[in-house]
Amino acid sequence: MTVAAMWEARAATGRGAELASWVREFALPAVRGAAGLERAELLSAPGERVLLITWWSGEPAPVADPPTELLGRPVHRWSFTSEHVE
């Protein structure tokens, strides 16, 4: 079973690049060595949003919250179970 874990944060005004850097420097290395990690992808979107999607064989490892001064609102997290892949 593959689980996709989505971690999404909206940066404080003007801090989107810093938030993405924090994910690259701290969040990604923290999950990179976790058992079951198959893949990780970092994305950005309008509104200074940063999205980290990780794919796992088994239970996903948690992704930490960034420093509060980088955030425009609390982090959102969702997990999905893969139903079909083509």
N, C-alpha and C. Protein backbone atom coordinates (compact mmCIF):
# COMPACT_ATOMS: atom_id res chain seq x y z
N MET A 1 0.85 -1.17 0.00
CA MET A 1 0.00 0.00 0.00
C MET A 1 0.90 1.24 0.00
N THR A 2 0.58 2.19 -0.88
CA THR A 2 1.30 3.45 -0.94
C THR A 2 0.44 4.55 -0.33
N VAL A 3 1.05 5.34 0.53
CA VAL A 3 0.38 6.49 1.14
C VAL A 3 1.08 7.75 0.68
N ALA A 4 0.31 8.73 0.22
CA ALA A 4 0.84 10.05 -0.12
C ALA A 4 0.50 10.98 1.04
N ALA A 5 1.52 11.61 1.59
CA ALA A 5 1.32 12.57 2.67
C ALA A 5 1.56 13.96 2.11
N MET A 6 0.59 14.83 2.28
CA MET A 6 0.69 16.20 1.77
C MET A 6 0.83 17.15 2.95
N TRP A 7 1.81 18.01 2.86
CA TRP A 7 2.11 19.03 3.88
C TRP A 7 2.07 20.36 3.14
N GLU A 8 1.17 21.26 3.55
CA GLU A 8 1.00 22.52 2.82
C GLU A 8 1.01 23.69 3.81
N ALA A 9 1.78 24.72 3.45
CA ALA A 9 1.88 25.90 4.30
C ALA A 9 1.79 27.16 3.45
N ARG A 10 1.18 28.18 4.00
CA ARG A 10 1.16 29.49 3.35
C ARG A 10 2.11 30.38 4.15
N ALA A 11 3.02 30.97 3.42
CA ALA A 11 4.05 31.80 4.06
C ALA A 11 3.47 33.14 4.50
N ALA A 12 4.10 33.72 5.48
CA ALA A 12 3.80 35.10 5.84
C ALA A 12 4.13 35.97 4.62
N THR A 13 3.49 37.09 4.51
CA THR A 13 3.67 37.97 3.35
C THR A 13 5.15 38.25 3.07
N GLY A 14 5.54 37.97 1.83
CA GLY A 14 6.91 38.22 1.40
C GLY A 14 7.93 37.17 1.81
N ARG A 15 7.48 36.06 2.42
CA ARG A 15 8.43 35.07 2.95
C ARG A 15 8.33 33.71 2.28
N GLY A 16 7.69 33.66 1.10
CA GLY A 16 7.53 32.39 0.39
C GLY A 16 8.85 31.71 0.05
N ALA A 17 9.81 32.47 -0.43
CA ALA A 17 11.11 31.89 -0.77
C ALA A 17 11.82 31.35 0.47
N GLU A 18 11.70 32.06 1.58
CA GLU A 18 12.32 31.60 2.83
C GLU A 18 11.67 30.31 3.31
N LEU A 19 10.34 30.23 3.19
CA LEU A 19 9.64 29.03 3.60
C LEU A 19 10.07 27.84 2.74
N ALA A 20 10.15 28.02 1.43
CA ALA A 20 10.60 26.94 0.54
C ALA A 20 12.03 26.53 0.89
N SER A 21 12.89 27.49 1.19
CA SER A 21 14.27 27.18 1.61
C SER A 21 14.29 26.37 2.89
N TRP A 22 13.44 26.74 3.84
CA TRP A 22 13.37 25.99 5.10
C TRP A 22 12.99 24.54 4.84
N VAL A 23 12.02 24.32 3.95
CA VAL A 23 11.62 22.95 3.63
C VAL A 23 12.80 22.18 3.03
N ARG A 24 13.51 22.80 2.09
CA ARG A 24 14.66 22.13 1.46
C ARG A 24 15.78 21.84 2.46
N GLU A 25 16.03 22.78 3.38
CA GLU A 25 17.15 22.65 4.30
C GLU A 25 16.85 21.82 5.55
N PHE A 26 15.59 21.79 5.99
CA PHE A 26 15.28 21.12 7.25
C PHE A 26 14.25 19.99 7.12
N ALA A 27 13.11 20.26 6.49
CA ALA A 27 12.05 19.24 6.42
C ALA A 27 12.45 18.06 5.54
N LEU A 28 12.95 18.35 4.34
CA LEU A 28 13.33 17.25 3.44
C LEU A 28 14.43 16.37 4.03
N PRO A 29 15.52 16.93 4.55
CA PRO A 29 16.54 16.05 5.14
C PRO A 29 16.01 15.22 6.31
N ALA A 30 15.05 15.76 7.05
CA ALA A 30 14.50 15.03 8.20
C ALA A 30 13.72 13.79 7.77
N VAL A 31 13.02 13.85 6.65
CA VAL A 31 12.25 12.69 6.20
C VAL A 31 13.05 11.81 5.24
N ARG A 32 14.09 12.36 4.65
CA ARG A 32 14.85 11.63 3.63
C ARG A 32 15.33 10.27 4.12
N GLY A 33 15.74 10.16 5.34
CA GLY A 33 16.25 8.88 5.85
C GLY A 33 15.21 8.01 6.51
N ALA A 34 13.97 8.42 6.50
CA ALA A 34 12.92 7.66 7.18
C ALA A 34 12.58 6.38 6.42
N ALA A 35 12.30 5.33 7.17
CA ALA A 35 11.93 4.05 6.57
C ALA A 35 10.65 4.18 5.77
N GLY A 36 10.65 3.63 4.58
CA GLY A 36 9.44 3.60 3.76
C GLY A 36 9.28 4.75 2.79
N LEU A 37 10.15 5.75 2.85
CA LEU A 37 10.02 6.88 1.93
C LEU A 37 10.34 6.42 0.52
N GLU A 38 9.43 6.64 -0.40
CA GLU A 38 9.63 6.27 -1.80
C GLU A 38 9.99 7.47 -2.66
N ARG A 39 9.42 8.62 -2.35
CA ARG A 39 9.61 9.80 -3.19
C ARG A 39 9.17 11.03 -2.42
N ALA A 40 9.77 12.17 -2.75
CA ALA A 40 9.36 13.45 -2.16
C ALA A 40 9.40 14.51 -3.25
N GLU A 41 8.44 15.39 -3.22
CA GLU A 41 8.37 16.47 -4.22
C GLU A 41 7.96 17.76 -3.53
N LEU A 42 8.71 18.82 -3.81
CA LEU A 42 8.44 20.15 -3.26
C LEU A 42 7.87 21.02 -4.37
N LEU A 43 6.73 21.65 -4.10
CA LEU A 43 6.07 22.51 -5.08
C LEU A 43 5.75 23.85 -4.44
N SER A 44 5.55 24.85 -5.30
CA SER A 44 5.08 26.15 -4.82
C SER A 44 3.86 26.55 -5.64
N ALA A 45 3.08 27.48 -5.11
CA ALA A 45 1.86 27.92 -5.77
C ALA A 45 1.65 29.40 -5.46
N PRO A 46 0.82 30.05 -6.27
CA PRO A 46 0.50 31.45 -5.98
C PRO A 46 -0.02 31.61 -4.55
N GLY A 47 0.15 32.80 -4.02
CA GLY A 47 -0.26 33.06 -2.65
C GLY A 47 0.79 32.63 -1.65
N GLU A 48 2.03 32.46 -2.12
CA GLU A 48 3.16 32.09 -1.27
C GLU A 48 2.89 30.80 -0.51
N ARG A 49 2.31 29.83 -1.24
CA ARG A 49 2.05 28.52 -0.66
C ARG A 49 3.16 27.55 -1.07
N VAL A 50 3.52 26.68 -0.15
CA VAL A 50 4.55 25.67 -0.36
C VAL A 50 3.91 24.32 -0.02
N LEU A 51 4.13 23.35 -0.91
CA LEU A 51 3.54 22.03 -0.76
C LEU A 51 4.64 20.98 -0.82
N LEU A 52 4.66 20.10 0.14
CA LEU A 52 5.57 18.96 0.14
C LEU A 52 4.71 17.71 0.08
N ILE A 53 4.90 16.92 -0.97
CA ILE A 53 4.19 15.64 -1.09
C ILE A 53 5.24 14.55 -0.96
N THR A 54 4.98 13.61 -0.06
CA THR A 54 5.87 12.47 0.11
C THR A 54 5.06 11.20 -0.10
N TRP A 55 5.68 10.20 -0.73
CA TRP A 55 5.04 8.91 -0.97
C TRP A 55 5.74 7.87 -0.12
N TRP A 56 4.94 7.02 0.53
CA TRP A 56 5.46 6.08 1.51
C TRP A 56 4.91 4.68 1.27
N SER A 57 5.72 3.68 1.57
CA SER A 57 5.22 2.31 1.67
C SER A 57 5.04 2.08 3.17
N GLY A 58 3.85 2.31 3.63
CA GLY A 58 3.56 2.22 5.06
C GLY A 58 3.25 3.58 5.64
N GLU A 59 3.40 3.68 6.93
CA GLU A 59 3.04 4.90 7.67
C GLU A 59 4.01 6.04 7.37
N PRO A 60 3.49 7.22 6.99
CA PRO A 60 4.37 8.37 6.71
C PRO A 60 5.03 8.90 7.98
N ALA A 61 6.24 9.37 7.84
CA ALA A 61 6.92 10.07 8.93
C ALA A 61 6.37 11.49 8.98
N PRO A 62 6.23 12.05 10.16
CA PRO A 62 5.71 13.42 10.26
C PRO A 62 6.71 14.46 9.74
N VAL A 63 6.18 15.53 9.18
CA VAL A 63 6.99 16.67 8.74
C VAL A 63 6.80 17.77 9.78
N ALA A 64 7.88 18.32 10.25
CA ALA A 64 7.84 19.34 11.29
C ALA A 64 7.20 20.64 10.80
N ASP A 65 6.78 21.44 11.74
CA ASP A 65 6.32 22.79 11.42
C ASP A 65 7.53 23.71 11.29
N PRO A 66 7.46 24.66 10.36
CA PRO A 66 8.54 25.64 10.25
C PRO A 66 8.43 26.67 11.39
N PRO A 67 9.44 27.52 11.52
CA PRO A 67 9.34 28.60 12.51
C PRO A 67 8.07 29.43 12.26
N THR A 68 7.40 29.81 13.32
CA THR A 68 6.11 30.50 13.20
C THR A 68 6.22 31.82 12.43
N GLU A 69 7.37 32.48 12.48
CA GLU A 69 7.49 33.76 11.78
C GLU A 69 7.46 33.61 10.26
N LEU A 70 7.66 32.39 9.75
CA LEU A 70 7.58 32.15 8.31
C LEU A 70 6.15 31.88 7.84
N LEU A 71 5.23 31.63 8.78
CA LEU A 71 3.88 31.19 8.43
C LEU A 71 2.85 32.31 8.41
N GLY A 72 1.96 32.23 7.42
CA GLY A 72 0.81 33.11 7.35
C GLY A 72 -0.42 32.49 8.00
N ARG A 73 -0.37 31.19 8.21
CA ARG A 73 -1.42 30.43 8.89
C ARG A 73 -0.83 29.07 9.27
N PRO A 74 -1.50 28.30 10.12
CA PRO A 74 -0.96 26.99 10.49
C PRO A 74 -0.82 26.05 9.28
N VAL A 75 0.11 25.13 9.39
CA VAL A 75 0.35 24.11 8.36
C VAL A 75 -0.87 23.21 8.25
N HIS A 76 -1.19 22.79 7.03
CA HIS A 76 -2.25 21.80 6.79
C HIS A 76 -1.58 20.49 6.39
N ARG A 77 -2.16 19.37 6.84
CA ARG A 77 -1.63 18.04 6.52
C ARG A 77 -2.77 17.11 6.14
N TRP A 78 -2.51 16.29 5.10
CA TRP A 78 -3.46 15.27 4.68
C TRP A 78 -2.69 14.03 4.29
N SER A 79 -3.29 12.88 4.46
CA SER A 79 -2.73 11.63 3.95
C SER A 79 -3.77 10.97 3.06
N PHE A 80 -3.28 10.37 1.97
CA PHE A 80 -4.14 9.70 1.00
C PHE A 80 -3.57 8.32 0.73
N THR A 81 -4.45 7.37 0.52
CA THR A 81 -4.04 6.02 0.13
C THR A 81 -4.22 5.88 -1.37
N SER A 82 -3.21 5.36 -2.04
CA SER A 82 -3.27 5.18 -3.48
C SER A 82 -4.34 4.16 -3.85
N GLU A 83 -5.20 4.51 -4.78
CA GLU A 83 -6.27 3.63 -5.25
C GLU A 83 -6.01 3.11 -6.65
N HIS A 84 -5.33 3.89 -7.48
CA HIS A 84 -5.10 3.48 -8.87
C HIS A 84 -3.96 4.31 -9.45
N VAL A 85 -3.07 3.67 -10.20
CA VAL A 85 -1.95 4.35 -10.86
C VAL A 85 -1.87 3.87 -12.30
N GLU A 86 -1.68 4.78 -13.23
CA GLU A 86 -1.46 4.40 -14.64
C GLU A 86 -0.14 4.93 -15.12
